[in-house]
Amino acid sequence: MEERERQHRPRRPVLAAAAVAALVGAASCGASAPSGGAAGAAPARTPSPAASTPAASAEELPAPGRPVPENAGRLAAELRKTTTALNAAIDRWDKKGKPPADVELLALYQQRVYRYAARHPEVADRAFARLPAALAAQAKDNAKAIRDLLVLARPIKPSAVFKVQAPRPAAELLGYFKKAERRFGVEWEVLAAVMLAETKFGRVKSPSHTGAQGPMQFMPGTWRAYGMGGDVHDPHDAVMAAANYLRASGAPRNYRRALYAYNHSQAYVNAILLHARQIKRDPRNYYAYYNWQVFVLTTAGERRLTGPR
């Protein structure tokens, strides 16, 4: 958030979701968010049973550097195949510990497909037109959210050093998001989307170039006002403070106003709301996003900092 009391600072360039970080998306109070409709417009649907789909063999899993198709037909086929396999892998995962290899590899490939789509909208439009309606809607939201966050990203020198770390377990973070929702009335899906955009669920450990810190990227002055005496680097305390700040800024009545206070960018607001909407439509999307990795944009090209090698 911004050093100015009770205001978020403008979002920073490194994004994890944006990365989305530089991440394509990250940094704000901080926090950032995509839009594309209010967070939570559609009812959540029940995931299909985990046992119905067998685990993919190692030979079927995409390698970390597997090329993303540039042809619209092949891109659509890969996205459909990858998302189906990823949903099945998420259903099998107990969510309490480290993600299994199939979830990590499939989520990384899905993320890379969407990052490509975000940068090549004409190819993406042709590809998404070939998908079933529900997947097409998901794909459009994800590509648009990443594109909005990429607009905010500023290339850095290849020599720049970033500190990264493993995130807390997905189930643990989900517990914090839901606790904050109960206390402050801010939807947990919105809080999750903010952490996705800011630090890829805590993977980014380095402060922003303006001094924002912690998994929800707070500036010191904002933390003093809304941190409730907690530790800015502690995921529980950071999530609670973010909900406190968003509530004070207008949520849940007006998420757009609240998120804009968190990060002064309509593109950020749009991105957060788009990701939040997808989590609401299918909770498995939270676990997919949780496995999206940290990318940074450098003057020499894009670089991935976390995830399977």
C-alpha atoms as a PDB file:
ATOM      1  CA  MET A   1       0.000   0.000   0.000  1.00  0.00           C
ATOM      2  CA  GLU A   2       1.041   3.528  -0.339  1.00  0.00           C
ATOM      3  CA  GLU A   3       3.030   5.334   2.279  1.00  0.00           C
ATOM      4  CA  ARG A   4       0.161   7.802   2.384  1.00  0.00           C
ATOM      5  CA  GLU A   5      -1.999   6.864   5.379  1.00  0.00           C
ATOM      6  CA  ARG A   6      -5.092   4.874   4.501  1.00  0.00           C
ATOM      7  CA  GLN A   7      -4.077   4.544   0.838  1.00  0.00           C
ATOM      8  CA  HIS A   8      -2.504   1.925  -1.264  1.00  0.00           C
ATOM      9  CA  ARG A   9       0.514   2.698  -3.302  1.00  0.00           C
ATOM     10  CA  PRO A  10       0.463   2.298  -7.103  1.00  0.00           C
ATOM     11  CA  ARG A  11       1.163  -1.207  -8.057  1.00  0.00           C
ATOM     12  CA  ARG A  12       4.704  -2.254  -8.671  1.00  0.00           C
ATOM     13  CA  PRO A  13       5.975  -3.955 -11.762  1.00  0.00           C
ATOM     14  CA  VAL A  14       7.058  -7.328 -10.651  1.00  0.00           C
ATOM     15  CA  LEU A  15       4.192  -9.585 -10.869  1.00  0.00           C
ATOM     16  CA  ALA A  16       3.497 -13.014 -10.276  1.00  0.00           C
ATOM     17  CA  ALA A  17       0.262 -13.308 -11.933  1.00  0.00           C
ATOM     18  CA  ALA A  18       0.978 -11.920 -12.785  1.00  0.00           C
ATOM     19  CA  ALA A  19       2.184 -13.321 -11.767  1.00  0.00           C
ATOM     20  CA  VAL A  20       1.756 -13.218 -11.949  1.00  0.00           C
ATOM     21  CA  ALA A  21       4.059 -11.600 -10.773  1.00  0.00           C
ATOM     22  CA  ALA A  22       6.540  -9.642 -12.963  1.00  0.00           C
ATOM     23  CA  LEU A  23       5.717 -11.455 -12.214  1.00  0.00           C
ATOM     24  CA  VAL A  24       2.873 -10.566 -13.822  1.00  0.00           C
ATOM     25  CA  GLY A  25       1.208  -9.170 -11.679  1.00  0.00           C
ATOM     26  CA  ALA A  26       2.234  -8.105  -8.380  1.00  0.00           C
ATOM     27  CA  ALA A  27       2.499  -5.431  -5.833  1.00  0.00           C
ATOM     28  CA  SER A  28       0.516  -2.912  -4.143  1.00  0.00           C
ATOM     29  CA  CYS A  29      -0.200  -2.018  -0.611  1.00  0.00           C
ATOM     30  CA  GLY A  30      -0.306  -3.854  -1.182  1.00  0.00           C
ATOM     31  CA  ALA A  31      -2.374  -5.748  -3.430  1.00  0.00           C
ATOM     32  CA  SER A  32      -3.618  -5.886  -6.953  1.00  0.00           C
ATOM     33  CA  ALA A  33      -6.531  -7.403  -8.730  1.00  0.00           C
ATOM     34  CA  PRO A  34      -7.989  -8.305 -12.099  1.00  0.00           C
ATOM     35  CA  SER A  35     -11.501  -7.669 -13.153  1.00  0.00           C
ATOM     36  CA  GLY A  36     -13.915  -8.595 -15.749  1.00  0.00           C
ATOM     37  CA  GLY A  37     -17.004  -8.515 -13.715  1.00  0.00           C
ATOM     38  CA  ALA A  38     -17.656  -8.487 -10.054  1.00  0.00           C
ATOM     39  CA  ALA A  39     -15.840 -11.040  -8.012  1.00  0.00           C
ATOM     40  CA  GLY A  40     -18.210 -13.770  -7.534  1.00  0.00           C
ATOM     41  CA  ALA A  41     -20.931 -13.315 -10.080  1.00  0.00           C
ATOM     42  CA  ALA A  42     -21.370 -16.988 -10.817  1.00  0.00           C
ATOM     43  CA  PRO A  43     -22.213 -19.787  -8.413  1.00  0.00           C
ATOM     44  CA  ALA A  44     -19.495 -22.284  -7.600  1.00  0.00           C
ATOM     45  CA  ARG A  45     -19.928 -25.686  -9.121  1.00  0.00           C
ATOM     46  CA  THR A  46     -19.085 -28.973  -7.518  1.00  0.00           C
ATOM     47  CA  PRO A  47     -15.794 -30.505  -8.677  1.00  0.00           C
ATOM     48  CA  SER A  48     -16.000 -33.912 -10.262  1.00  0.00           C
ATOM     49  CA  PRO A  49     -14.960 -36.878  -8.130  1.00  0.00           C
ATOM     50  CA  ALA A  50     -11.218 -37.371  -7.897  1.00  0.00           C
ATOM     51  CA  ALA A  51     -11.348 -41.102  -8.340  1.00  0.00           C
ATOM     52  CA  SER A  52     -12.902 -40.905 -11.785  1.00  0.00           C
ATOM     53  CA  THR A  53      -9.660 -40.018 -13.585  1.00  0.00           C
ATOM     54  CA  PRO A  54      -6.418 -41.994 -13.257  1.00  0.00           C
ATOM     55  CA  ALA A  55      -3.143 -40.195 -12.593  1.00  0.00           C
ATOM     56  CA  ALA A  56      -1.177 -39.187 -15.667  1.00  0.00           C
ATOM     57  CA  SER A  57       2.028 -41.072 -16.284  1.00  0.00           C
ATOM     58  CA  ALA A  58       5.341 -39.252 -16.161  1.00  0.00           C
ATOM     59  CA  GLU A  59       5.609 -39.578 -19.931  1.00  0.00           C
ATOM     60  CA  GLU A  60       2.322 -37.708 -20.391  1.00  0.00           C
ATOM     61  CA  LEU A  61       3.229 -34.756 -18.170  1.00  0.00           C
ATOM     62  CA  PRO A  62       4.510 -31.582 -19.855  1.00  0.00           C
ATOM     63  CA  ALA A  63       8.178 -30.846 -19.212  1.00  0.00           C
ATOM     64  CA  PRO A  64       8.857 -27.469 -17.553  1.00  0.00           C
ATOM     65  CA  GLY A  65      10.133 -25.966 -20.812  1.00  0.00           C
ATOM     66  CA  ARG A  66       7.735 -27.630 -23.212  1.00  0.00           C
ATOM     67  CA  PRO A  67       7.029 -25.261 -26.134  1.00  0.00           C
ATOM     68  CA  VAL A  68       3.631 -23.606 -26.270  1.00  0.00           C
ATOM     69  CA  PRO A  69       1.899 -24.077 -29.661  1.00  0.00           C
ATOM     70  CA  GLU A  70       1.612 -20.964 -31.804  1.00  0.00           C
ATOM     71  CA  ASN A  71      -1.142 -22.436 -33.972  1.00  0.00           C
ATOM     72  CA  ALA A  72      -4.673 -21.642 -32.740  1.00  0.00           C
ATOM     73  CA  GLY A  73      -6.000 -25.175 -33.206  1.00  0.00           C
ATOM     74  CA  ARG A  74      -3.104 -26.801 -31.381  1.00  0.00           C
ATOM     75  CA  LEU A  75      -3.196 -24.149 -28.650  1.00  0.00           C
ATOM     76  CA  ALA A  76      -6.877 -24.885 -28.026  1.00  0.00           C
ATOM     77  CA  ALA A  77      -6.258 -28.636 -27.928  1.00  0.00           C
ATOM     78  CA  GLU A  78      -3.331 -28.284 -25.506  1.00  0.00           C
ATOM     79  CA  LEU A  79      -5.262 -25.972 -23.202  1.00  0.00           C
ATOM     80  CA  ARG A  80      -8.266 -28.292 -23.119  1.00  0.00           C
ATOM     81  CA  LYS A  81      -6.133 -31.376 -22.497  1.00  0.00           C
ATOM     82  CA  THR A  82      -3.982 -29.671 -19.858  1.00  0.00           C
ATOM     83  CA  THR A  83      -6.900 -28.161 -17.940  1.00  0.00           C
ATOM     84  CA  THR A  84      -8.762 -31.478 -17.869  1.00  0.00           C
ATOM     85  CA  ALA A  85      -5.693 -33.294 -16.560  1.00  0.00           C
ATOM     86  CA  LEU A  86      -4.920 -30.528 -14.064  1.00  0.00           C
ATOM     87  CA  ASN A  87      -8.437 -30.586 -12.608  1.00  0.00           C
ATOM     88  CA  ALA A  88      -8.203 -34.345 -12.146  1.00  0.00           C
ATOM     89  CA  ALA A  89      -4.780 -34.028 -10.495  1.00  0.00           C
ATOM     90  CA  ILE A  90      -6.101 -31.328  -8.159  1.00  0.00           C
ATOM     91  CA  ASP A  91      -8.992 -33.580  -7.176  1.00  0.00           C
ATOM     92  CA  ARG A  92      -6.519 -36.288  -6.159  1.00  0.00           C
ATOM     93  CA  TRP A  93      -4.256 -33.943  -4.161  1.00  0.00           C
ATOM     94  CA  ASP A  94      -4.962 -33.657  -0.420  1.00  0.00           C
ATOM     95  CA  LYS A  95      -3.992 -29.920  -0.436  1.00  0.00           C
ATOM     96  CA  LYS A  96      -2.254 -30.122   2.970  1.00  0.00           C
ATOM     97  CA  GLY A  97       1.306 -30.606   1.828  1.00  0.00           C
ATOM     98  CA  LYS A  98       3.561 -29.881  -1.098  1.00  0.00           C
ATOM     99  CA  PRO A  99       1.772 -30.224  -4.438  1.00  0.00           C
ATOM    100  CA  PRO A 100       2.511 -33.463  -6.289  1.00  0.00           C
ATOM    101  CA  ALA A 101       4.600 -33.325  -9.454  1.00  0.00           C
ATOM    102  CA  ASP A 102       1.634 -33.733 -11.795  1.00  0.00           C
ATOM    103  CA  VAL A 103      -0.158 -30.715 -10.318  1.00  0.00           C
ATOM    104  CA  GLU A 104       2.976 -28.549 -10.477  1.00  0.00           C
ATOM    105  CA  LEU A 105       3.875 -29.480 -14.043  1.00  0.00           C
ATOM    106  CA  LEU A 106       0.358 -29.199 -15.427  1.00  0.00           C
ATOM    107  CA  ALA A 107      -0.302 -25.879 -13.664  1.00  0.00           C
ATOM    108  CA  LEU A 108       2.993 -24.457 -14.925  1.00  0.00           C
ATOM    109  CA  TYR A 109       2.178 -25.432 -18.497  1.00  0.00           C
ATOM    110  CA  GLN A 110      -1.335 -24.012 -18.173  1.00  0.00           C
ATOM    111  CA  GLN A 111       0.138 -20.756 -16.879  1.00  0.00           C
ATOM    112  CA  ARG A 112       2.621 -20.587 -19.756  1.00  0.00           C
ATOM    113  CA  VAL A 113      -0.179 -21.179 -22.270  1.00  0.00           C
ATOM    114  CA  TYR A 114      -2.155 -18.305 -20.758  1.00  0.00           C
ATOM    115  CA  ARG A 115       0.891 -16.033 -20.711  1.00  0.00           C
ATOM    116  CA  TYR A 116       1.377 -16.745 -24.414  1.00  0.00           C
ATOM    117  CA  ALA A 117      -2.321 -16.097 -25.055  1.00  0.00           C
ATOM    118  CA  ALA A 118      -2.113 -12.801 -23.160  1.00  0.00           C
ATOM    119  CA  ARG A 119       0.656 -11.612 -25.477  1.00  0.00           C
ATOM    120  CA  HIS A 120      -0.967 -12.911 -28.680  1.00  0.00           C
ATOM    121  CA  PRO A 121      -4.661 -11.943 -28.449  1.00  0.00           C
ATOM    122  CA  GLU A 122      -5.476 -12.671 -32.096  1.00  0.00           C
ATOM    123  CA  VAL A 123      -4.218 -16.253 -31.858  1.00  0.00           C
ATOM    124  CA  ALA A 124      -5.906 -16.579 -28.477  1.00  0.00           C
ATOM    125  CA  ASP A 125      -9.263 -15.414 -29.804  1.00  0.00           C
ATOM    126  CA  ARG A 126      -9.183 -18.047 -32.560  1.00  0.00           C
ATOM    127  CA  ALA A 127      -8.093 -20.727 -30.103  1.00  0.00           C
ATOM    128  CA  PHE A 128     -10.678 -19.882 -27.452  1.00  0.00           C
ATOM    129  CA  ALA A 129     -13.463 -19.969 -30.057  1.00  0.00           C
ATOM    130  CA  ARG A 130     -12.736 -23.709 -30.436  1.00  0.00           C
ATOM    131  CA  LEU A 131     -13.205 -24.473 -26.735  1.00  0.00           C
ATOM    132  CA  PRO A 132     -16.347 -25.558 -24.846  1.00  0.00           C
ATOM    133  CA  ALA A 133     -18.218 -22.549 -23.444  1.00  0.00           C
ATOM    134  CA  ALA A 134     -17.141 -22.944 -19.804  1.00  0.00           C
ATOM    135  CA  LEU A 135     -13.462 -23.397 -20.634  1.00  0.00           C
ATOM    136  CA  ALA A 136     -13.583 -20.567 -23.166  1.00  0.00           C
ATOM    137  CA  ALA A 137     -14.943 -18.213 -20.495  1.00  0.00           C
ATOM    138  CA  GLN A 138     -12.202 -19.298 -18.090  1.00  0.00           C
ATOM    139  CA  ALA A 139      -9.526 -18.873 -20.750  1.00  0.00           C
ATOM    140  CA  LYS A 140     -10.709 -15.396 -21.702  1.00  0.00           C
ATOM    141  CA  ASP A 141     -10.701 -14.264 -18.066  1.00  0.00           C
ATOM    142  CA  ASN A 142      -7.242 -15.664 -17.376  1.00  0.00           C
ATOM    143  CA  ALA A 143      -5.660 -14.254 -20.521  1.00  0.00           C
ATOM    144  CA  LYS A 144      -7.262 -10.852 -19.942  1.00  0.00           C
ATOM    145  CA  ALA A 145      -6.149 -10.762 -16.289  1.00  0.00           C
ATOM    146  CA  ILE A 146      -2.552 -11.592 -17.204  1.00  0.00           C
ATOM    147  CA  ARG A 147      -2.610  -9.055 -20.050  1.00  0.00           C
ATOM    148  CA  ASP A 148      -3.821  -6.343 -17.645  1.00  0.00           C
ATOM    149  CA  LEU A 149      -1.073  -7.162 -15.164  1.00  0.00           C
ATOM    150  CA  LEU A 150       1.599  -7.293 -17.846  1.00  0.00           C
ATOM    151  CA  VAL A 151       0.739  -3.721 -18.762  1.00  0.00           C
ATOM    152  CA  LEU A 152       1.814  -2.767 -15.235  1.00  0.00           C
ATOM    153  CA  ALA A 153       5.066  -4.709 -15.333  1.00  0.00           C
ATOM    154  CA  ARG A 154       8.310  -2.839 -15.867  1.00  0.00           C
ATOM    155  CA  PRO A 155      11.284  -4.766 -17.300  1.00  0.00           C
ATOM    156  CA  ILE A 156      14.257  -4.975 -14.968  1.00  0.00           C
ATOM    157  CA  LYS A 157      17.939  -5.653 -15.517  1.00  0.00           C
ATOM    158  CA  PRO A 158      18.835  -9.330 -15.994  1.00  0.00           C
ATOM    159  CA  SER A 159      21.278  -8.984 -13.094  1.00  0.00           C
ATOM    160  CA  ALA A 160      18.560  -7.968 -10.633  1.00  0.00           C
ATOM    161  CA  VAL A 161      18.318 -10.308  -7.639  1.00  0.00           C
ATOM    162  CA  PHE A 162      15.005 -11.521  -6.250  1.00  0.00           C
ATOM    163  CA  LYS A 163      14.520 -13.517  -3.081  1.00  0.00           C
ATOM    164  CA  VAL A 164      11.945 -16.275  -3.408  1.00  0.00           C
ATOM    165  CA  GLN A 165      10.689 -18.974  -1.082  1.00  0.00           C
ATOM    166  CA  ALA A 166       8.249 -21.865  -0.936  1.00  0.00           C
ATOM    167  CA  PRO A 167       4.653 -20.826  -0.198  1.00  0.00           C
ATOM    168  CA  ARG A 168       2.743 -21.996   2.840  1.00  0.00           C
ATOM    169  CA  PRO A 169       0.467 -25.008   2.116  1.00  0.00           C
ATOM    170  CA  ALA A 170      -2.594 -24.263   0.032  1.00  0.00           C
ATOM    171  CA  ALA A 171      -4.980 -25.529   2.715  1.00  0.00           C
ATOM    172  CA  GLU A 172      -3.315 -23.335   5.349  1.00  0.00           C
ATOM    173  CA  LEU A 173      -3.638 -20.201   3.224  1.00  0.00           C
ATOM    174  CA  LEU A 174      -7.232 -21.060   2.384  1.00  0.00           C
ATOM    175  CA  GLY A 175      -7.933 -21.190   6.121  1.00  0.00           C
ATOM    176  CA  TYR A 176      -6.525 -17.661   6.520  1.00  0.00           C
ATOM    177  CA  PHE A 177      -8.572 -16.323   3.611  1.00  0.00           C
ATOM    178  CA  LYS A 178     -11.792 -17.776   5.022  1.00  0.00           C
ATOM    179  CA  LYS A 179     -11.019 -16.547   8.545  1.00  0.00           C
ATOM    180  CA  ALA A 180     -10.519 -13.034   7.171  1.00  0.00           C
ATOM    181  CA  GLU A 181     -13.790 -13.289   5.244  1.00  0.00           C
ATOM    182  CA  ARG A 182     -15.658 -14.231   8.428  1.00  0.00           C
ATOM    183  CA  ARG A 183     -14.159 -11.341  10.374  1.00  0.00           C
ATOM    184  CA  PHE A 184     -14.250  -8.547   7.785  1.00  0.00           C
ATOM    185  CA  GLY A 185     -16.796  -9.688   5.200  1.00  0.00           C
ATOM    186  CA  VAL A 186     -14.304  -9.547   2.321  1.00  0.00           C
ATOM    187  CA  GLU A 187     -14.734 -12.544   0.021  1.00  0.00           C
ATOM    188  CA  TRP A 188     -11.952 -15.062   0.366  1.00  0.00           C
ATOM    189  CA  GLU A 189     -11.710 -15.420  -3.397  1.00  0.00           C
ATOM    190  CA  VAL A 190     -10.787 -11.741  -3.698  1.00  0.00           C
ATOM    191  CA  LEU A 191      -8.127 -12.050  -1.005  1.00  0.00           C
ATOM    192  CA  ALA A 192      -6.680 -15.098  -2.760  1.00  0.00           C
ATOM    193  CA  ALA A 193      -6.598 -13.249  -6.078  1.00  0.00           C
ATOM    194  CA  VAL A 194      -4.743 -10.372  -4.442  1.00  0.00           C
ATOM    195  CA  MET A 195      -2.070 -12.666  -3.005  1.00  0.00           C
ATOM    196  CA  LEU A 196      -1.781 -14.367  -6.390  1.00  0.00           C
ATOM    197  CA  ALA A 197      -1.124 -11.061  -8.136  1.00  0.00           C
ATOM    198  CA  GLU A 198       1.137  -9.627  -5.458  1.00  0.00           C
ATOM    199  CA  THR A 199       3.536 -12.439  -4.621  1.00  0.00           C
ATOM    200  CA  LYS A 200       2.234 -15.665  -6.110  1.00  0.00           C
ATOM    201  CA  PHE A 201       0.985 -16.782  -2.704  1.00  0.00           C
ATOM    202  CA  GLY A 202       4.083 -15.651  -0.857  1.00  0.00           C
ATOM    203  CA  ARG A 203       6.735 -16.994  -3.218  1.00  0.00           C
ATOM    204  CA  VAL A 204       8.200 -13.516  -3.691  1.00  0.00           C
ATOM    205  CA  LYS A 205      10.188 -12.634  -0.579  1.00  0.00           C
ATOM    206  CA  SER A 206      11.975  -9.486  -1.772  1.00  0.00           C
ATOM    207  CA  PRO A 207      10.402  -6.082  -1.018  1.00  0.00           C
ATOM    208  CA  SER A 208       9.211  -4.031  -3.972  1.00  0.00           C
ATOM    209  CA  HIS A 209      11.321  -1.214  -5.390  1.00  0.00           C
ATOM    210  CA  THR A 210       9.184   1.210  -3.358  1.00  0.00           C
ATOM    211  CA  GLY A 211       9.535  -0.720  -0.100  1.00  0.00           C
ATOM    212  CA  ALA A 212       6.319  -2.765   0.023  1.00  0.00           C
ATOM    213  CA  GLN A 213       6.774  -5.933   2.062  1.00  0.00           C
ATOM    214  CA  GLY A 214       5.233  -9.287   2.847  1.00  0.00           C
ATOM    215  CA  PRO A 215       2.961 -11.677   0.969  1.00  0.00           C
ATOM    216  CA  MET A 216       0.290  -8.995   0.532  1.00  0.00           C
ATOM    217  CA  GLN A 217       2.813  -6.182  -0.196  1.00  0.00           C
ATOM    218  CA  PHE A 218       2.177  -3.478   2.395  1.00  0.00           C
ATOM    219  CA  MET A 219       3.981  -0.169   2.608  1.00  0.00           C
ATOM    220  CA  PRO A 220       5.134   0.671   6.158  1.00  0.00           C
ATOM    221  CA  GLY A 221       2.637   3.476   6.740  1.00  0.00           C
ATOM    222  CA  THR A 222      -0.317   1.403   5.584  1.00  0.00           C
ATOM    223  CA  TRP A 223       0.820  -1.520   7.705  1.00  0.00           C
ATOM    224  CA  ARG A 224       0.952   0.685  10.793  1.00  0.00           C
ATOM    225  CA  ALA A 225      -2.615   1.785  10.116  1.00  0.00           C
ATOM    226  CA  TYR A 226      -4.135  -1.610   9.288  1.00  0.00           C
ATOM    227  CA  GLY A 227      -1.701  -4.327  10.394  1.00  0.00           C
ATOM    228  CA  MET A 228      -3.281  -4.647  13.845  1.00  0.00           C
ATOM    229  CA  GLY A 229       0.104  -5.120  15.465  1.00  0.00           C
ATOM    230  CA  GLY A 230       0.988  -8.203  13.424  1.00  0.00           C
ATOM    231  CA  ASP A 231       4.031  -9.233  11.407  1.00  0.00           C
ATOM    232  CA  VAL A 232       3.921  -7.986   7.797  1.00  0.00           C
ATOM    233  CA  HIS A 233       5.810 -11.101   6.661  1.00  0.00           C
ATOM    234  CA  ASP A 234       3.439 -13.556   8.355  1.00  0.00           C
ATOM    235  CA  PRO A 235       0.820 -14.842   5.867  1.00  0.00           C
ATOM    236  CA  HIS A 236      -1.935 -14.979   8.490  1.00  0.00           C
ATOM    237  CA  ASP A 237      -1.325 -11.425   9.695  1.00  0.00           C
ATOM    238  CA  ALA A 238      -0.911 -10.097   6.156  1.00  0.00           C
ATOM    239  CA  VAL A 239      -4.194 -11.613   4.945  1.00  0.00           C
ATOM    240  CA  MET A 240      -6.072 -10.260   7.955  1.00  0.00           C
ATOM    241  CA  ALA A 241      -4.591  -6.802   7.403  1.00  0.00           C
ATOM    242  CA  ALA A 242      -5.487  -6.861   3.713  1.00  0.00           C
ATOM    243  CA  ALA A 243      -9.091  -7.724   4.561  1.00  0.00           C
ATOM    244  CA  ASN A 244      -9.088  -4.968   7.188  1.00  0.00           C
ATOM    245  CA  TYR A 245      -7.817  -2.442   4.651  1.00  0.00           C
ATOM    246  CA  LEU A 246     -10.201  -3.522   1.888  1.00  0.00           C
ATOM    247  CA  ARG A 247     -13.149  -3.356   4.295  1.00  0.00           C
ATOM    248  CA  ALA A 248     -12.128   0.157   5.350  1.00  0.00           C
ATOM    249  CA  SER A 249     -11.842   1.121   1.676  1.00  0.00           C
ATOM    250  CA  GLY A 250     -15.331   0.005   0.661  1.00  0.00           C
ATOM    251  CA  ALA A 251     -15.477  -3.801   0.408  1.00  0.00           C
ATOM    252  CA  PRO A 252     -17.631  -5.815   0.202  1.00  0.00           C
ATOM    253  CA  ARG A 253     -20.096  -3.175  -0.940  1.00  0.00           C
ATOM    254  CA  ASN A 254     -17.775  -1.761  -3.583  1.00  0.00           C
ATOM    255  CA  TYR A 255     -14.870  -4.028  -4.527  1.00  0.00           C
ATOM    256  CA  ARG A 256     -13.746  -1.816  -7.353  1.00  0.00           C
ATOM    257  CA  ARG A 257     -13.261   1.162  -5.083  1.00  0.00           C
ATOM    258  CA  ALA A 258     -11.579  -0.926  -2.403  1.00  0.00           C
ATOM    259  CA  LEU A 259      -9.172  -2.606  -4.807  1.00  0.00           C
ATOM    260  CA  TYR A 260      -8.339   0.671  -6.487  1.00  0.00           C
ATOM    261  CA  ALA A 261      -7.372   2.032  -3.070  1.00  0.00           C
ATOM    262  CA  TYR A 262      -5.162  -1.029  -2.648  1.00  0.00           C
ATOM    263  CA  ASN A 263      -3.482  -0.408  -5.988  1.00  0.00           C
ATOM    264  CA  HIS A 264      -4.202   2.690  -8.054  1.00  0.00           C
ATOM    265  CA  SER A 265      -4.740   0.918 -11.366  1.00  0.00           C
ATOM    266  CA  GLN A 266      -7.980  -0.052 -13.073  1.00  0.00           C
ATOM    267  CA  ALA A 267      -6.074  -2.786 -14.892  1.00  0.00           C
ATOM    268  CA  TYR A 268      -5.089  -4.231 -11.522  1.00  0.00           C
ATOM    269  CA  VAL A 269      -8.662  -4.037 -10.264  1.00  0.00           C
ATOM    270  CA  ASN A 270      -9.898  -5.786 -13.384  1.00  0.00           C
ATOM    271  CA  ALA A 271      -7.325  -8.552 -13.078  1.00  0.00           C
ATOM    272  CA  ILE A 272      -8.134  -9.300  -9.449  1.00  0.00           C
ATOM    273  CA  LEU A 273     -11.850  -9.506 -10.079  1.00  0.00           C
ATOM    274  CA  LEU A 274     -11.353 -11.766 -13.093  1.00  0.00           C
ATOM    275  CA  HIS A 275      -9.253 -14.251 -11.124  1.00  0.00           C
ATOM    276  CA  ALA A 276     -11.651 -14.067  -8.176  1.00  0.00           C
ATOM    277  CA  ARG A 277     -14.560 -14.793 -10.498  1.00  0.00           C
ATOM    278  CA  GLN A 278     -12.847 -17.929 -11.791  1.00  0.00           C
ATOM    279  CA  ILE A 279     -12.171 -19.181  -8.259  1.00  0.00           C
ATOM    280  CA  LYS A 280     -15.855 -18.717  -7.495  1.00  0.00           C
ATOM    281  CA  ARG A 281     -16.893 -20.615 -10.598  1.00  0.00           C
ATOM    282  CA  ASP A 282     -14.734 -23.603  -9.674  1.00  0.00           C
ATOM    283  CA  PRO A 283     -12.734 -23.778  -6.409  1.00  0.00           C
ATOM    284  CA  ARG A 284     -10.168 -25.934  -8.208  1.00  0.00           C
ATOM    285  CA  ASN A 285      -9.013 -22.763  -9.906  1.00  0.00           C
ATOM    286  CA  TYR A 286      -7.689 -21.572  -6.545  1.00  0.00           C
ATOM    287  CA  TYR A 287      -5.419 -24.607  -6.389  1.00  0.00           C
ATOM    288  CA  ALA A 288      -4.369 -24.138 -10.010  1.00  0.00           C
ATOM    289  CA  TYR A 289      -3.470 -20.498  -9.318  1.00  0.00           C
ATOM    290  CA  TYR A 290      -1.647 -21.556  -6.170  1.00  0.00           C
ATOM    291  CA  ASN A 291       0.687 -23.555  -8.417  1.00  0.00           C
ATOM    292  CA  TRP A 292       1.334 -20.736 -10.877  1.00  0.00           C
ATOM    293  CA  GLN A 293       4.955 -19.662 -10.643  1.00  0.00           C
ATOM    294  CA  VAL A 294       6.935 -16.418 -10.420  1.00  0.00           C
ATOM    295  CA  PHE A 295       8.059 -14.904 -13.713  1.00  0.00           C
ATOM    296  CA  VAL A 296       9.991 -11.655 -14.067  1.00  0.00           C
ATOM    297  CA  LEU A 297      10.292  -9.480 -17.129  1.00  0.00           C
ATOM    298  CA  THR A 298      13.840  -8.410 -17.874  1.00  0.00           C
ATOM    299  CA  THR A 299      15.338  -6.299 -20.618  1.00  0.00           C
ATOM    300  CA  ALA A 300      16.774  -9.555 -21.988  1.00  0.00           C
ATOM    301  CA  GLY A 301      13.488 -11.464 -21.915  1.00  0.00           C
ATOM    302  CA  GLU A 302      11.234 -13.290 -19.494  1.00  0.00           C
ATOM    303  CA  ARG A 303      12.682 -15.393 -16.699  1.00  0.00           C
ATOM    304  CA  ARG A 304      11.001 -17.913 -14.395  1.00  0.00           C
ATOM    305  CA  LEU A 305      12.255 -17.871 -10.814  1.00  0.00           C
ATOM    306  CA  THR A 306      10.282 -20.666  -9.146  1.00  0.00           C
ATOM    307  CA  GLY A 307       8.765 -24.035  -9.902  1.00  0.00           C
ATOM    308  CA  PRO A 308       9.897 -27.353 -11.354  1.00  0.00           C
ATOM    309  CA  ARG A 309      13.128 -27.474 -13.334  1.00  0.00           C
END
